[in-house]
Amino acid sequence: MGRAYLAWRVAHERHRVQVLQRRGVPHAWRREALVVAAVQWDMRPVGSVSDWTARLVLQCDQATRAGAALIVFPEYVGLSLLGLLSEHRILRRASAGQLSPTEVGTRLKAWAPTLVPLYRTVFSRLAAAYGVTVVAGSTLVQQAGHLQNLAHVFAPDGRLVATQPKLHLLATEASWGVVPGTSLAPIAGPLPVQPVVCYDASFFETYRMARVNGAELVAVPIADPEPDYGEAKARRGAWARTQESGLVSVVGAGTGELYGITFTGKAAVYAPLAESPARDGVLAESPHPDGEGVVVATIDLDRLQAYRQQLPTPRADRVASWLAPRYRALGRLMEDERAGPPPAGL
């Protein structure tokens, strides 16, 4: 299916979301009682735009009925749209080892310009329809000739207010030619939320930079390619970083199978041990590491701010003068590796 057909499908689907816009269900939020929602999503390819949109609407309905002012979707939620392309059968060959990672990356780069506008249009209209901040998980985007795994944040009026590339890649992503980001984007929109993508939450530096950025919430879209879910592995990322930083993590999780890769994970909201009712650091968590659903939690940002004042405060000057430059240097190193060795004689 070409771009013209997909453009027609997007126009056809706008009516559904515009009806929601006219209905208007904005959710006001208060610092002492902020309701957040994390989505668990089946990664399976969709056969139509209507299927994808209907599933997103269902998740938003559940979240906003519970009063959520923030909804976090999982990593690679946009890759379900590959099912719209007649060529998507090619990716099945990749799962059987009949297509090299480089060939997969070439096709993903070619398809991104067609699918990303659809992804952005639908999520923008959903954010405006429900009057909430939406972290639309992430999708692969072609940036300056390279692929990036890019998280998107939409404000309650539907504006795209922030994008955040994944900083730490998995080996599979690197083999596709995905390029890592080199810094955290400034916080934008009405909520103090910093998006970080999946593996980024495994590193203390990410949360340290987020806290210096002024974040009080960290949105973590994940899609863990792990067929056997393990509680210990799950706790090594956002849950552990939450305990160190005092920031709340809202984790949207991708599950199921996408072209031979099996994903497991639990949508969750994590808080510091002392600020969770069961003293386990969990405000809400899906009961199962597969399937779809929404988990919701209420957060007192003022109480958490008071809690963080008891913790060591990251030094902004150290982050600016030492940590951030090293991330930028890593990005330059990756660029040099992609360019290959210098010509002989240099």
C-alpha atoms as a PDB file:
ATOM      1  CA  MET A   1       0.000   0.000   0.000  1.00  0.00           C
ATOM      2  CA  GLY A   2       1.418   3.364  -1.007  1.00  0.00           C
ATOM      3  CA  ARG A   3       1.431   6.746   0.653  1.00  0.00           C
ATOM      4  CA  ALA A   4      -1.644   7.958  -1.226  1.00  0.00           C
ATOM      5  CA  TYR A   5      -3.726   5.079   0.085  1.00  0.00           C
ATOM      6  CA  LEU A   6      -2.493   5.577   3.632  1.00  0.00           C
ATOM      7  CA  ALA A   7      -3.236   9.303   3.399  1.00  0.00           C
ATOM      8  CA  TRP A   8      -6.788   8.435   2.358  1.00  0.00           C
ATOM      9  CA  ARG A   9      -7.094   6.023   5.298  1.00  0.00           C
ATOM     10  CA  VAL A  10      -5.907   8.717   7.725  1.00  0.00           C
ATOM     11  CA  ALA A  11      -8.518  11.137   6.375  1.00  0.00           C
ATOM     12  CA  HIS A  12     -11.169   8.432   6.696  1.00  0.00           C
ATOM     13  CA  GLU A  13     -10.256   7.826  10.342  1.00  0.00           C
ATOM     14  CA  ARG A  14     -10.203  11.508  11.349  1.00  0.00           C
ATOM     15  CA  HIS A  15     -13.978  11.581  11.710  1.00  0.00           C
ATOM     16  CA  ARG A  16     -13.862   9.096  14.594  1.00  0.00           C
ATOM     17  CA  VAL A  17     -11.405  11.214  16.554  1.00  0.00           C
ATOM     18  CA  GLN A  18     -13.034  14.518  15.614  1.00  0.00           C
ATOM     19  CA  VAL A  19     -16.262  13.280  17.164  1.00  0.00           C
ATOM     20  CA  LEU A  20     -14.338  12.750  20.373  1.00  0.00           C
ATOM     21  CA  GLN A  21     -12.867  16.239  20.044  1.00  0.00           C
ATOM     22  CA  ARG A  22     -16.315  17.791  19.784  1.00  0.00           C
ATOM     23  CA  ARG A  23     -17.473  15.779  22.775  1.00  0.00           C
ATOM     24  CA  GLY A  24     -14.523  17.060  24.793  1.00  0.00           C
ATOM     25  CA  VAL A  25     -13.613  15.347  28.060  1.00  0.00           C
ATOM     26  CA  PRO A  26     -10.733  17.416  29.491  1.00  0.00           C
ATOM     27  CA  HIS A  27      -9.358  16.243  32.805  1.00  0.00           C
ATOM     28  CA  ALA A  28      -8.089  18.912  35.169  1.00  0.00           C
ATOM     29  CA  TRP A  29      -5.247  17.793  37.412  1.00  0.00           C
ATOM     30  CA  ARG A  30      -3.893  18.819  40.787  1.00  0.00           C
ATOM     31  CA  ARG A  31      -0.380  18.322  42.114  1.00  0.00           C
ATOM     32  CA  GLU A  32      -1.652  16.644  45.258  1.00  0.00           C
ATOM     33  CA  ALA A  33      -3.809  14.150  43.311  1.00  0.00           C
ATOM     34  CA  LEU A  34      -2.374  13.591  39.840  1.00  0.00           C
ATOM     35  CA  VAL A  35      -3.813  10.509  38.144  1.00  0.00           C
ATOM     36  CA  VAL A  36      -1.513   8.748  35.657  1.00  0.00           C
ATOM     37  CA  ALA A  37      -2.111   5.732  33.430  1.00  0.00           C
ATOM     38  CA  ALA A  38       0.249   3.188  31.860  1.00  0.00           C
ATOM     39  CA  VAL A  39      -0.855   1.119  28.859  1.00  0.00           C
ATOM     40  CA  GLN A  40       0.015  -2.504  28.185  1.00  0.00           C
ATOM     41  CA  TRP A  41      -0.226  -3.187  24.438  1.00  0.00           C
ATOM     42  CA  ASP A  42      -0.203  -6.253  22.200  1.00  0.00           C
ATOM     43  CA  MET A  43       2.455  -5.562  19.538  1.00  0.00           C
ATOM     44  CA  ARG A  44       0.781  -7.640  16.810  1.00  0.00           C
ATOM     45  CA  PRO A  45       0.603  -6.009  13.360  1.00  0.00           C
ATOM     46  CA  VAL A  46      -2.754  -4.444  12.511  1.00  0.00           C
ATOM     47  CA  GLY A  47      -4.604  -5.100   9.294  1.00  0.00           C
ATOM     48  CA  SER A  48      -6.357  -1.730   9.133  1.00  0.00           C
ATOM     49  CA  VAL A  49      -6.084   1.797  10.493  1.00  0.00           C
ATOM     50  CA  SER A  50      -9.503   1.331  12.095  1.00  0.00           C
ATOM     51  CA  ASP A  51      -8.244  -1.646  14.111  1.00  0.00           C
ATOM     52  CA  TRP A  52      -5.265   0.327  15.443  1.00  0.00           C
ATOM     53  CA  THR A  53      -7.296   3.455  16.203  1.00  0.00           C
ATOM     54  CA  ALA A  54     -10.089   1.509  17.910  1.00  0.00           C
ATOM     55  CA  ARG A  55      -7.609  -0.172  20.233  1.00  0.00           C
ATOM     56  CA  LEU A  56      -5.999   3.177  21.107  1.00  0.00           C
ATOM     57  CA  VAL A  57      -9.403   4.726  21.769  1.00  0.00           C
ATOM     58  CA  LEU A  58     -10.303   1.844  24.076  1.00  0.00           C
ATOM     59  CA  GLN A  59      -7.139   2.373  26.128  1.00  0.00           C
ATOM     60  CA  CYS A  60      -7.699   6.141  26.318  1.00  0.00           C
ATOM     61  CA  ASP A  61     -11.320   5.596  27.350  1.00  0.00           C
ATOM     62  CA  GLN A  62     -10.260   3.368  30.233  1.00  0.00           C
ATOM     63  CA  ALA A  63      -7.552   5.763  31.365  1.00  0.00           C
ATOM     64  CA  THR A  64      -9.633   8.926  31.249  1.00  0.00           C
ATOM     65  CA  ARG A  65     -12.653   7.325  32.906  1.00  0.00           C
ATOM     66  CA  ALA A  66     -10.310   6.811  35.864  1.00  0.00           C
ATOM     67  CA  GLY A  67      -9.364  10.507  35.717  1.00  0.00           C
ATOM     68  CA  ALA A  68      -5.917  10.187  34.145  1.00  0.00           C
ATOM     69  CA  ALA A  69      -4.207  13.400  33.047  1.00  0.00           C
ATOM     70  CA  LEU A  70      -1.204  11.494  31.656  1.00  0.00           C
ATOM     71  CA  ILE A  71      -1.290   8.348  29.497  1.00  0.00           C
ATOM     72  CA  VAL A  72       1.934   6.493  28.638  1.00  0.00           C
ATOM     73  CA  PHE A  73       1.977   4.029  25.727  1.00  0.00           C
ATOM     74  CA  PRO A  74       4.773   1.475  25.068  1.00  0.00           C
ATOM     75  CA  GLU A  75       7.895   1.522  22.963  1.00  0.00           C
ATOM     76  CA  TYR A  76       7.417   0.707  19.273  1.00  0.00           C
ATOM     77  CA  VAL A  77       3.639   1.078  19.467  1.00  0.00           C
ATOM     78  CA  GLY A  78       3.904   2.536  15.955  1.00  0.00           C
ATOM     79  CA  LEU A  79       5.443  -0.640  14.520  1.00  0.00           C
ATOM     80  CA  SER A  80       2.042  -2.338  14.676  1.00  0.00           C
ATOM     81  CA  LEU A  81       1.264  -0.186  11.628  1.00  0.00           C
ATOM     82  CA  LEU A  82       3.698  -2.198   9.511  1.00  0.00           C
ATOM     83  CA  GLY A  83       0.810  -4.607   9.056  1.00  0.00           C
ATOM     84  CA  LEU A  84      -0.799  -2.015   6.748  1.00  0.00           C
ATOM     85  CA  LEU A  85       1.923  -2.472   4.159  1.00  0.00           C
ATOM     86  CA  SER A  86       1.661  -5.301   1.677  1.00  0.00           C
ATOM     87  CA  GLU A  87       5.428  -5.721   2.029  1.00  0.00           C
ATOM     88  CA  HIS A  88       5.134  -6.522   5.725  1.00  0.00           C
ATOM     89  CA  ARG A  89       5.307 -10.210   4.834  1.00  0.00           C
ATOM     90  CA  ILE A  90       8.980  -9.566   4.058  1.00  0.00           C
ATOM     91  CA  LEU A  91       9.657  -9.017   7.740  1.00  0.00           C
ATOM     92  CA  ARG A  92       8.392 -12.521   8.453  1.00  0.00           C
ATOM     93  CA  ARG A  93      11.379 -13.758   6.485  1.00  0.00           C
ATOM     94  CA  ALA A  94      13.625 -11.870   8.881  1.00  0.00           C
ATOM     95  CA  SER A  95      12.300 -13.915  11.797  1.00  0.00           C
ATOM     96  CA  ALA A  96      13.244 -17.067   9.887  1.00  0.00           C
ATOM     97  CA  GLY A  97      16.761 -15.788   9.295  1.00  0.00           C
ATOM     98  CA  GLN A  98      16.147 -15.221   5.581  1.00  0.00           C
ATOM     99  CA  LEU A  99      16.696 -11.460   5.757  1.00  0.00           C
ATOM    100  CA  SER A 100      19.800  -9.797   7.171  1.00  0.00           C
ATOM    101  CA  PRO A 101      19.511  -7.081   9.839  1.00  0.00           C
ATOM    102  CA  THR A 102      20.891  -4.561   7.339  1.00  0.00           C
ATOM    103  CA  GLU A 103      18.115  -5.433   4.871  1.00  0.00           C
ATOM    104  CA  VAL A 104      15.529  -5.105   7.651  1.00  0.00           C
ATOM    105  CA  GLY A 105      16.921  -1.669   8.538  1.00  0.00           C
ATOM    106  CA  THR A 106      16.823  -0.567   4.903  1.00  0.00           C
ATOM    107  CA  ARG A 107      13.134  -1.447   4.655  1.00  0.00           C
ATOM    108  CA  LEU A 108      12.276   0.153   7.984  1.00  0.00           C
ATOM    109  CA  LYS A 109      13.989   3.349   6.856  1.00  0.00           C
ATOM    110  CA  ALA A 110      12.023   3.296   3.595  1.00  0.00           C
ATOM    111  CA  TRP A 111       8.679   2.751   5.335  1.00  0.00           C
ATOM    112  CA  ALA A 112       9.119   5.295   8.135  1.00  0.00           C
ATOM    113  CA  PRO A 113       8.192   8.364   6.032  1.00  0.00           C
ATOM    114  CA  THR A 114       4.886   6.698   5.136  1.00  0.00           C
ATOM    115  CA  LEU A 115       3.896   5.449   8.580  1.00  0.00           C
ATOM    116  CA  VAL A 116       5.154   8.201  10.910  1.00  0.00           C
ATOM    117  CA  PRO A 117       2.673  10.881   9.705  1.00  0.00           C
ATOM    118  CA  LEU A 118      -0.175   8.452  10.408  1.00  0.00           C
ATOM    119  CA  TYR A 119       1.215   7.665  13.877  1.00  0.00           C
ATOM    120  CA  ARG A 120       1.572  11.365  14.712  1.00  0.00           C
ATOM    121  CA  THR A 121      -1.818  12.368  13.326  1.00  0.00           C
ATOM    122  CA  VAL A 122      -3.752   9.776  15.304  1.00  0.00           C
ATOM    123  CA  PHE A 123      -1.961  10.403  18.608  1.00  0.00           C
ATOM    124  CA  SER A 124      -2.235  14.171  18.222  1.00  0.00           C
ATOM    125  CA  ARG A 125      -5.979  13.915  17.730  1.00  0.00           C
ATOM    126  CA  LEU A 126      -6.360  11.503  20.635  1.00  0.00           C
ATOM    127  CA  ALA A 127      -4.521  13.860  23.011  1.00  0.00           C
ATOM    128  CA  ALA A 128      -6.740  16.751  21.914  1.00  0.00           C
ATOM    129  CA  ALA A 129      -9.881  14.630  21.998  1.00  0.00           C
ATOM    130  CA  TYR A 130      -9.383  13.604  25.615  1.00  0.00           C
ATOM    131  CA  GLY A 131      -7.641  16.765  26.803  1.00  0.00           C
ATOM    132  CA  VAL A 132      -4.716  14.869  28.351  1.00  0.00           C
ATOM    133  CA  THR A 133      -0.951  14.630  27.967  1.00  0.00           C
ATOM    134  CA  VAL A 134      -0.060  11.543  25.924  1.00  0.00           C
ATOM    135  CA  VAL A 135       3.379   9.971  25.743  1.00  0.00           C
ATOM    136  CA  ALA A 136       2.745   8.102  22.514  1.00  0.00           C
ATOM    137  CA  GLY A 137       5.309   5.410  23.194  1.00  0.00           C
ATOM    138  CA  SER A 138       7.868   5.434  20.413  1.00  0.00           C
ATOM    139  CA  THR A 139       8.279   4.539  16.777  1.00  0.00           C
ATOM    140  CA  LEU A 140      11.094   4.418  14.248  1.00  0.00           C
ATOM    141  CA  VAL A 141      11.617   7.752  12.509  1.00  0.00           C
ATOM    142  CA  GLN A 142      14.012   8.696   9.725  1.00  0.00           C
ATOM    143  CA  GLN A 143      16.129  11.617  10.927  1.00  0.00           C
ATOM    144  CA  ALA A 144      18.830  13.132   8.709  1.00  0.00           C
ATOM    145  CA  GLY A 145      19.064   9.912   6.725  1.00  0.00           C
ATOM    146  CA  HIS A 146      19.276   7.675   9.803  1.00  0.00           C
ATOM    147  CA  LEU A 147      16.741   5.715  11.826  1.00  0.00           C
ATOM    148  CA  GLN A 148      16.000   6.753  15.405  1.00  0.00           C
ATOM    149  CA  ASN A 149      13.730   5.167  17.990  1.00  0.00           C
ATOM    150  CA  LEU A 150      11.838   8.314  18.944  1.00  0.00           C
ATOM    151  CA  ALA A 151       9.372   8.844  21.800  1.00  0.00           C
ATOM    152  CA  HIS A 152       6.688  11.509  21.248  1.00  0.00           C
ATOM    153  CA  VAL A 153       4.880  13.699  23.793  1.00  0.00           C
ATOM    154  CA  PHE A 154       1.582  15.355  22.845  1.00  0.00           C
ATOM    155  CA  ALA A 155       0.021  18.142  24.920  1.00  0.00           C
ATOM    156  CA  PRO A 156      -3.709  18.229  25.786  1.00  0.00           C
ATOM    157  CA  ASP A 157      -4.319  20.531  22.812  1.00  0.00           C
ATOM    158  CA  GLY A 158      -2.800  17.974  20.443  1.00  0.00           C
ATOM    159  CA  ARG A 159       0.528  19.733  19.874  1.00  0.00           C
ATOM    160  CA  LEU A 160       3.678  17.641  19.582  1.00  0.00           C
ATOM    161  CA  VAL A 161       5.674  19.308  22.354  1.00  0.00           C
ATOM    162  CA  ALA A 162       8.662  16.972  22.736  1.00  0.00           C
ATOM    163  CA  THR A 163      10.477  14.081  21.118  1.00  0.00           C
ATOM    164  CA  GLN A 164      13.106  11.945  22.802  1.00  0.00           C
ATOM    165  CA  PRO A 165      15.438   9.538  20.983  1.00  0.00           C
ATOM    166  CA  LYS A 166      16.545   6.370  22.692  1.00  0.00           C
ATOM    167  CA  LEU A 167      20.020   6.895  24.136  1.00  0.00           C
ATOM    168  CA  HIS A 168      21.074   3.275  24.756  1.00  0.00           C
ATOM    169  CA  LEU A 169      20.367   0.822  21.948  1.00  0.00           C
ATOM    170  CA  LEU A 170      19.839  -2.909  22.052  1.00  0.00           C
ATOM    171  CA  ALA A 171      22.082  -4.971  19.786  1.00  0.00           C
ATOM    172  CA  THR A 172      19.155  -5.704  17.449  1.00  0.00           C
ATOM    173  CA  GLU A 173      18.448  -1.994  16.975  1.00  0.00           C
ATOM    174  CA  ALA A 174      22.088  -1.255  16.285  1.00  0.00           C
ATOM    175  CA  SER A 175      22.146  -4.025  13.657  1.00  0.00           C
ATOM    176  CA  TRP A 176      19.208  -2.322  11.927  1.00  0.00           C
ATOM    177  CA  GLY A 177      21.233   0.890  11.707  1.00  0.00           C
ATOM    178  CA  VAL A 178      19.304   2.775  14.389  1.00  0.00           C
ATOM    179  CA  VAL A 179      21.231   5.794  15.697  1.00  0.00           C
ATOM    180  CA  PRO A 180      21.199   6.622  19.442  1.00  0.00           C
ATOM    181  CA  GLY A 181      20.305  10.026  20.786  1.00  0.00           C
ATOM    182  CA  THR A 182      22.899  12.065  22.658  1.00  0.00           C
ATOM    183  CA  SER A 183      20.899  14.078  25.197  1.00  0.00           C
ATOM    184  CA  LEU A 184      17.595  14.421  27.027  1.00  0.00           C
ATOM    185  CA  ALA A 185      15.071  16.814  25.530  1.00  0.00           C
ATOM    186  CA  PRO A 186      13.866  19.756  27.653  1.00  0.00           C
ATOM    187  CA  ILE A 187      10.602  19.150  29.487  1.00  0.00           C
ATOM    188  CA  ALA A 188       7.651  20.685  27.678  1.00  0.00           C
ATOM    189  CA  GLY A 189       3.902  20.748  28.196  1.00  0.00           C
ATOM    190  CA  PRO A 190       1.856  21.182  31.379  1.00  0.00           C
ATOM    191  CA  LEU A 191       3.235  18.175  33.285  1.00  0.00           C
ATOM    192  CA  PRO A 192       6.773  17.760  34.684  1.00  0.00           C
ATOM    193  CA  VAL A 193       7.328  14.515  32.773  1.00  0.00           C
ATOM    194  CA  GLN A 194      10.563  13.357  31.132  1.00  0.00           C
ATOM    195  CA  PRO A 195      10.270  10.612  28.511  1.00  0.00           C
ATOM    196  CA  VAL A 196      13.059   8.026  28.346  1.00  0.00           C
ATOM    197  CA  VAL A 197      12.930   4.941  26.157  1.00  0.00           C
ATOM    198  CA  CYS A 198      13.129   1.388  27.523  1.00  0.00           C
ATOM    199  CA  TYR A 199      16.806   0.463  28.058  1.00  0.00           C
ATOM    200  CA  ASP A 200      17.581   4.087  28.998  1.00  0.00           C
ATOM    201  CA  ALA A 201      15.888   3.418  32.343  1.00  0.00           C
ATOM    202  CA  SER A 202      18.571   0.863  33.204  1.00  0.00           C
ATOM    203  CA  PHE A 203      21.167   3.625  33.708  1.00  0.00           C
ATOM    204  CA  PHE A 204      21.347   5.918  36.730  1.00  0.00           C
ATOM    205  CA  GLU A 205      22.698   8.731  34.559  1.00  0.00           C
ATOM    206  CA  THR A 206      19.397   9.030  32.685  1.00  0.00           C
ATOM    207  CA  TYR A 207      17.361   9.681  35.820  1.00  0.00           C
ATOM    208  CA  ARG A 208      20.043  11.986  37.222  1.00  0.00           C
ATOM    209  CA  MET A 209      19.828  14.117  34.086  1.00  0.00           C
ATOM    210  CA  ALA A 210      16.017  13.973  34.188  1.00  0.00           C
ATOM    211  CA  ARG A 211      15.961  15.245  37.767  1.00  0.00           C
ATOM    212  CA  VAL A 212      18.287  18.123  36.880  1.00  0.00           C
ATOM    213  CA  ASN A 213      15.943  18.821  33.942  1.00  0.00           C
ATOM    214  CA  GLY A 214      13.161  19.447  36.454  1.00  0.00           C
ATOM    215  CA  ALA A 215      11.293  16.177  35.979  1.00  0.00           C
ATOM    216  CA  GLU A 216       9.069  14.788  38.699  1.00  0.00           C
ATOM    217  CA  LEU A 217       7.711  11.970  36.548  1.00  0.00           C
ATOM    218  CA  VAL A 218       9.596   9.750  34.107  1.00  0.00           C
ATOM    219  CA  ALA A 219       7.568   8.175  31.293  1.00  0.00           C
ATOM    220  CA  VAL A 220       9.202   4.894  30.243  1.00  0.00           C
ATOM    221  CA  PRO A 221       7.845   3.243  27.080  1.00  0.00           C
ATOM    222  CA  ILE A 222       9.252  -0.300  26.966  1.00  0.00           C
ATOM    223  CA  ALA A 223       9.120  -3.322  24.647  1.00  0.00           C
ATOM    224  CA  ASP A 224      11.397  -5.935  26.160  1.00  0.00           C
ATOM    225  CA  PRO A 225      12.320  -8.720  23.676  1.00  0.00           C
ATOM    226  CA  GLU A 226      12.273 -11.356  26.386  1.00  0.00           C
ATOM    227  CA  PRO A 227      10.034 -14.418  25.954  1.00  0.00           C
ATOM    228  CA  ASP A 228      10.373 -15.433  29.632  1.00  0.00           C
ATOM    229  CA  TYR A 229       9.350 -12.593  31.937  1.00  0.00           C
ATOM    230  CA  GLY A 230      11.335 -12.399  35.166  1.00  0.00           C
ATOM    231  CA  GLU A 231      10.538 -10.183  38.139  1.00  0.00           C
ATOM    232  CA  ALA A 232      14.213  -9.668  38.981  1.00  0.00           C
ATOM    233  CA  LYS A 233      15.069  -8.483  35.475  1.00  0.00           C
ATOM    234  CA  ALA A 234      12.023  -6.240  35.383  1.00  0.00           C
ATOM    235  CA  ARG A 235      13.087  -4.536  38.608  1.00  0.00           C
ATOM    236  CA  ARG A 236      16.585  -3.679  37.359  1.00  0.00           C
ATOM    237  CA  GLY A 237      15.331  -0.731  35.316  1.00  0.00           C
ATOM    238  CA  ALA A 238      12.717   1.895  36.106  1.00  0.00           C
ATOM    239  CA  TRP A 239      11.857   0.464  39.540  1.00  0.00           C
ATOM    240  CA  ALA A 240      15.484   0.640  40.708  1.00  0.00           C
ATOM    241  CA  ARG A 241      16.066   4.095  39.227  1.00  0.00           C
ATOM    242  CA  THR A 242      12.925   5.325  41.003  1.00  0.00           C
ATOM    243  CA  GLN A 243      14.369   4.278  44.359  1.00  0.00           C
ATOM    244  CA  GLU A 244      17.630   6.130  43.671  1.00  0.00           C
ATOM    245  CA  SER A 245      16.120   9.316  42.326  1.00  0.00           C
ATOM    246  CA  GLY A 246      12.797   9.746  44.122  1.00  0.00           C
ATOM    247  CA  LEU A 247      11.104  10.294  40.744  1.00  0.00           C
ATOM    248  CA  VAL A 248       7.937   8.390  39.825  1.00  0.00           C
ATOM    249  CA  SER A 249       8.152   6.069  36.801  1.00  0.00           C
ATOM    250  CA  VAL A 250       5.147   5.451  34.544  1.00  0.00           C
ATOM    251  CA  VAL A 251       5.922   2.407  32.389  1.00  0.00           C
ATOM    252  CA  GLY A 252       3.949   1.542  29.251  1.00  0.00           C
ATOM    253  CA  ALA A 253       4.737  -2.018  28.120  1.00  0.00           C
ATOM    254  CA  GLY A 254       4.625  -3.771  24.755  1.00  0.00           C
ATOM    255  CA  THR A 255       3.849  -7.503  24.775  1.00  0.00           C
ATOM    256  CA  GLY A 256       3.091 -10.313  22.343  1.00  0.00           C
ATOM    257  CA  GLU A 257       4.852 -11.216  19.097  1.00  0.00           C
ATOM    258  CA  LEU A 258       5.984  -8.972  16.253  1.00  0.00           C
ATOM    259  CA  TYR A 259       7.714 -10.679  13.302  1.00  0.00           C
ATOM    260  CA  GLY A 260       9.221 -13.484  15.331  1.00  0.00           C
ATOM    261  CA  ILE A 261      10.259 -11.374  18.330  1.00  0.00           C
ATOM    262  CA  THR A 262       8.399 -12.120  21.569  1.00  0.00           C
ATOM    263  CA  PHE A 263       7.900  -9.246  24.003  1.00  0.00           C
ATOM    264  CA  THR A 264       6.892  -9.433  27.658  1.00  0.00           C
ATOM    265  CA  GLY A 265       6.485  -6.768  30.311  1.00  0.00           C
ATOM    266  CA  LYS A 266       4.087  -5.204  32.771  1.00  0.00           C
ATOM    267  CA  ALA A 267       2.561  -1.752  32.566  1.00  0.00           C
ATOM    268  CA  ALA A 268       3.281  -0.154  35.923  1.00  0.00           C
ATOM    269  CA  VAL A 269       3.629   2.961  38.059  1.00  0.00           C
ATOM    270  CA  TYR A 270       6.593   2.905  40.455  1.00  0.00           C
ATOM    271  CA  ALA A 271       7.261   5.175  43.435  1.00  0.00           C
ATOM    272  CA  PRO A 272       9.864   5.244  46.237  1.00  0.00           C
ATOM    273  CA  LEU A 273       9.427   2.433  48.760  1.00  0.00           C
ATOM    274  CA  ALA A 274       8.454   4.792  51.567  1.00  0.00           C
ATOM    275  CA  GLU A 275       5.821   6.457  49.387  1.00  0.00           C
ATOM    276  CA  SER A 276       4.028   3.284  48.264  1.00  0.00           C
ATOM    277  CA  PRO A 277       1.205   1.760  50.359  1.00  0.00           C
ATOM    278  CA  ALA A 278       2.750  -1.723  50.541  1.00  0.00           C
ATOM    279  CA  ARG A 279       6.311  -0.349  50.895  1.00  0.00           C
ATOM    280  CA  ASP A 280       7.236  -2.286  47.763  1.00  0.00           C
ATOM    281  CA  GLY A 281       7.720   0.654  45.399  1.00  0.00           C
ATOM    282  CA  VAL A 282       4.673  -0.295  43.317  1.00  0.00           C
ATOM    283  CA  LEU A 283       1.667   2.011  43.035  1.00  0.00           C
ATOM    284  CA  ALA A 284       0.071   0.005  40.230  1.00  0.00           C
ATOM    285  CA  GLU A 285       1.144  -2.915  38.061  1.00  0.00           C
ATOM    286  CA  SER A 286      -0.461  -5.203  35.529  1.00  0.00           C
ATOM    287  CA  PRO A 287      -1.068  -8.699  36.918  1.00  0.00           C
ATOM    288  CA  HIS A 288       0.270 -10.426  33.785  1.00  0.00           C
ATOM    289  CA  PRO A 289       3.323  -9.820  31.545  1.00  0.00           C
ATOM    290  CA  ASP A 290       1.291 -10.266  28.365  1.00  0.00           C
ATOM    291  CA  GLY A 291      -2.003  -9.079  26.895  1.00  0.00           C
ATOM    292  CA  GLU A 292      -3.502  -5.585  26.852  1.00  0.00           C
ATOM    293  CA  GLY A 293      -4.854  -3.308  29.551  1.00  0.00           C
ATOM    294  CA  VAL A 294      -4.408  -0.110  31.523  1.00  0.00           C
ATOM    295  CA  VAL A 295      -3.139   0.463  35.066  1.00  0.00           C
ATOM    296  CA  VAL A 296      -3.838   3.702  36.934  1.00  0.00           C
ATOM    297  CA  ALA A 297      -2.363   5.353  40.032  1.00  0.00           C
ATOM    298  CA  THR A 298      -2.824   8.611  41.938  1.00  0.00           C
ATOM    299  CA  ILE A 299       0.310  10.559  42.855  1.00  0.00           C
ATOM    300  CA  ASP A 300       0.888  13.397  45.323  1.00  0.00           C
ATOM    301  CA  LEU A 301       3.640  15.398  43.636  1.00  0.00           C
ATOM    302  CA  ASP A 302       4.021  17.765  46.607  1.00  0.00           C
ATOM    303  CA  ARG A 303       4.586  14.879  49.001  1.00  0.00           C
ATOM    304  CA  LEU A 304       7.125  13.334  46.648  1.00  0.00           C
ATOM    305  CA  GLN A 305       8.906  16.652  46.273  1.00  0.00           C
ATOM    306  CA  ALA A 306       9.277  16.786  50.054  1.00  0.00           C
ATOM    307  CA  TYR A 307      10.587  13.205  50.010  1.00  0.00           C
ATOM    308  CA  ARG A 308      13.241  14.061  47.391  1.00  0.00           C
ATOM    309  CA  GLN A 309      14.511  16.922  49.509  1.00  0.00           C
ATOM    310  CA  GLN A 310      15.819  14.268  51.915  1.00  0.00           C
ATOM    311  CA  LEU A 311      17.828  12.581  49.136  1.00  0.00           C
ATOM    312  CA  PRO A 312      21.183  13.658  47.715  1.00  0.00           C
ATOM    313  CA  THR A 313      20.563  16.268  45.037  1.00  0.00           C
ATOM    314  CA  PRO A 314      22.317  15.802  41.678  1.00  0.00           C
ATOM    315  CA  ARG A 315      24.630  18.717  41.020  1.00  0.00           C
ATOM    316  CA  ALA A 316      23.426  20.504  37.930  1.00  0.00           C
ATOM    317  CA  ASP A 317      26.913  21.840  37.207  1.00  0.00           C
ATOM    318  CA  ARG A 318      28.354  18.309  37.242  1.00  0.00           C
ATOM    319  CA  VAL A 319      25.637  17.036  34.912  1.00  0.00           C
ATOM    320  CA  ALA A 320      26.204  19.965  32.536  1.00  0.00           C
ATOM    321  CA  SER A 321      30.017  19.884  32.612  1.00  0.00           C
ATOM    322  CA  TRP A 322      30.705  16.145  32.877  1.00  0.00           C
ATOM    323  CA  LEU A 323      27.757  13.845  32.181  1.00  0.00           C
ATOM    324  CA  ALA A 324      25.983  15.532  29.275  1.00  0.00           C
ATOM    325  CA  PRO A 325      29.188  16.137  27.237  1.00  0.00           C
ATOM    326  CA  ARG A 326      30.055  12.456  27.494  1.00  0.00           C
ATOM    327  CA  TYR A 327      26.721  11.479  25.982  1.00  0.00           C
ATOM    328  CA  ARG A 328      27.366  13.883  23.109  1.00  0.00           C
ATOM    329  CA  ALA A 329      30.872  12.448  22.678  1.00  0.00           C
ATOM    330  CA  LEU A 330      29.398   8.940  22.536  1.00  0.00           C
ATOM    331  CA  GLY A 331      27.141  10.094  19.712  1.00  0.00           C
ATOM    332  CA  ARG A 332      30.137  11.448  17.779  1.00  0.00           C
ATOM    333  CA  LEU A 333      31.981   8.158  18.323  1.00  0.00           C
ATOM    334  CA  MET A 334      29.009   6.254  16.878  1.00  0.00           C
ATOM    335  CA  GLU A 335      29.007   8.587  13.861  1.00  0.00           C
ATOM    336  CA  ASP A 336      32.717   7.905  13.301  1.00  0.00           C
ATOM    337  CA  GLU A 337      32.152   4.146  13.482  1.00  0.00           C
ATOM    338  CA  ARG A 338      29.378   4.343  10.892  1.00  0.00           C
ATOM    339  CA  ALA A 339      31.624   6.414   8.601  1.00  0.00           C
ATOM    340  CA  GLY A 340      34.255   3.667   8.666  1.00  0.00           C
ATOM    341  CA  PRO A 341      38.040   3.967   8.881  1.00  0.00           C
ATOM    342  CA  PRO A 342      39.724   7.060   7.434  1.00  0.00           C
ATOM    343  CA  PRO A 343      41.325   6.786   3.977  1.00  0.00           C
ATOM    344  CA  ALA A 344      44.854   5.400   3.896  1.00  0.00           C
ATOM    345  CA  GLY A 345      47.539   8.021   4.431  1.00  0.00           C
ATOM    346  CA  LEU A 346      45.479  10.217   6.766  1.00  0.00           C
END
